[in-house]
Amino acid sequence: MSRKKIDNKGQGSAELILIIGGLIVIVLLVGSYISNITQKTQKNMQNLLKTERDFIINKI
């Protein structure tokens, strides 16, 4: 009986696809986190400007 060689080319491709998929997920999570921080910062700045504007208007 002769043994057949197993082709491992498919395994390398599958591993590469998993690695790329994992990197995409990480990039999306980081992007979501940064977007969330940006939205919170913008909201805080708008509230600060509104408060200061109202303060100056009331002072006049």
C-alpha atoms as a PDB file:
ATOM      1  CA  MET A   1       0.000   0.000   0.000  1.00  0.00           C
ATOM      2  CA  SER A   2       1.226   3.418  -0.851  1.00  0.00           C
ATOM      3  CA  ARG A   3       0.455   6.470   1.207  1.00  0.00           C
ATOM      4  CA  LYS A   4      -1.081   9.511  -0.421  1.00  0.00           C
ATOM      5  CA  LYS A   5       0.444  12.911   0.268  1.00  0.00           C
ATOM      6  CA  ILE A   6      -1.893  15.400   1.847  1.00  0.00           C
ATOM      7  CA  ASP A   7      -2.039  18.773   0.148  1.00  0.00           C
ATOM      8  CA  ASN A   8      -1.649  21.574   2.702  1.00  0.00           C
ATOM      9  CA  LYS A   9      -2.142  24.495   0.305  1.00  0.00           C
ATOM     10  CA  GLY A  10      -5.771  24.895   1.350  1.00  0.00           C
ATOM     11  CA  GLN A  11      -4.813  25.113   5.013  1.00  0.00           C
ATOM     12  CA  GLY A  12      -2.486  28.066   4.365  1.00  0.00           C
ATOM     13  CA  SER A  13      -5.223  29.912   2.500  1.00  0.00           C
ATOM     14  CA  ALA A  14      -7.722  29.263   5.282  1.00  0.00           C
ATOM     15  CA  GLU A  15      -5.288  30.537   7.909  1.00  0.00           C
ATOM     16  CA  LEU A  16      -4.637  33.674   5.854  1.00  0.00           C
ATOM     17  CA  ILE A  17      -8.375  34.302   5.515  1.00  0.00           C
ATOM     18  CA  LEU A  18      -8.837  33.913   9.282  1.00  0.00           C
ATOM     19  CA  ILE A  19      -5.978  36.315  10.019  1.00  0.00           C
ATOM     20  CA  ILE A  20      -7.301  38.937   7.598  1.00  0.00           C
ATOM     21  CA  GLY A  21     -10.825  38.520   9.003  1.00  0.00           C
ATOM     22  CA  GLY A  22      -9.507  39.013  12.528  1.00  0.00           C
ATOM     23  CA  LEU A  23      -7.637  42.148  11.506  1.00  0.00           C
ATOM     24  CA  ILE A  24     -10.765  43.558   9.857  1.00  0.00           C
ATOM     25  CA  VAL A  25     -12.770  42.943  13.031  1.00  0.00           C
ATOM     26  CA  ILE A  26     -10.093  44.686  15.132  1.00  0.00           C
ATOM     27  CA  VAL A  27     -10.021  47.685  12.770  1.00  0.00           C
ATOM     28  CA  LEU A  28     -13.817  47.975  12.887  1.00  0.00           C
ATOM     29  CA  LEU A  29     -13.867  47.834  16.694  1.00  0.00           C
ATOM     30  CA  VAL A  30     -11.155  50.493  16.993  1.00  0.00           C
ATOM     31  CA  GLY A  31     -12.966  52.684  14.458  1.00  0.00           C
ATOM     32  CA  SER A  32     -16.206  52.369  16.397  1.00  0.00           C
ATOM     33  CA  TYR A  33     -14.430  53.272  19.645  1.00  0.00           C
ATOM     34  CA  ILE A  34     -12.769  56.347  18.092  1.00  0.00           C
ATOM     35  CA  SER A  35     -16.060  57.428  16.512  1.00  0.00           C
ATOM     36  CA  ASN A  36     -17.772  57.148  19.890  1.00  0.00           C
ATOM     37  CA  ILE A  37     -15.089  59.278  21.556  1.00  0.00           C
ATOM     38  CA  THR A  38     -15.369  61.881  18.782  1.00  0.00           C
ATOM     39  CA  GLN A  39     -19.147  62.115  19.159  1.00  0.00           C
ATOM     40  CA  LYS A  40     -18.896  62.544  22.932  1.00  0.00           C
ATOM     41  CA  THR A  41     -16.227  65.226  22.552  1.00  0.00           C
ATOM     42  CA  GLN A  42     -18.299  67.109  19.983  1.00  0.00           C
ATOM     43  CA  LYS A  43     -21.382  66.964  22.207  1.00  0.00           C
ATOM     44  CA  ASN A  44     -19.396  68.269  25.187  1.00  0.00           C
ATOM     45  CA  MET A  45     -17.969  71.128  23.116  1.00  0.00           C
ATOM     46  CA  GLN A  46     -21.434  72.094  21.867  1.00  0.00           C
ATOM     47  CA  ASN A  47     -22.784  72.132  25.422  1.00  0.00           C
ATOM     48  CA  LEU A  48     -19.840  74.216  26.620  1.00  0.00           C
ATOM     49  CA  LEU A  49     -20.235  76.763  23.818  1.00  0.00           C
ATOM     50  CA  LYS A  50     -23.982  76.997  24.420  1.00  0.00           C
ATOM     51  CA  THR A  51     -23.485  77.532  28.159  1.00  0.00           C
ATOM     52  CA  GLU A  52     -20.841  80.221  27.613  1.00  0.00           C
ATOM     53  CA  ARG A  53     -22.950  81.953  24.975  1.00  0.00           C
ATOM     54  CA  ASP A  54     -25.952  82.032  27.291  1.00  0.00           C
ATOM     55  CA  PHE A  55     -23.762  83.339  30.123  1.00  0.00           C
ATOM     56  CA  ILE A  56     -22.400  86.171  27.986  1.00  0.00           C
ATOM     57  CA  ILE A  57     -25.867  87.079  26.687  1.00  0.00           C
ATOM     58  CA  ASN A  58     -27.247  87.189  30.260  1.00  0.00           C
ATOM     59  CA  LYS A  59     -24.313  89.305  31.391  1.00  0.00           C
ATOM     60  CA  ILE A  60     -25.062  91.928  28.739  1.00  0.00           C
END
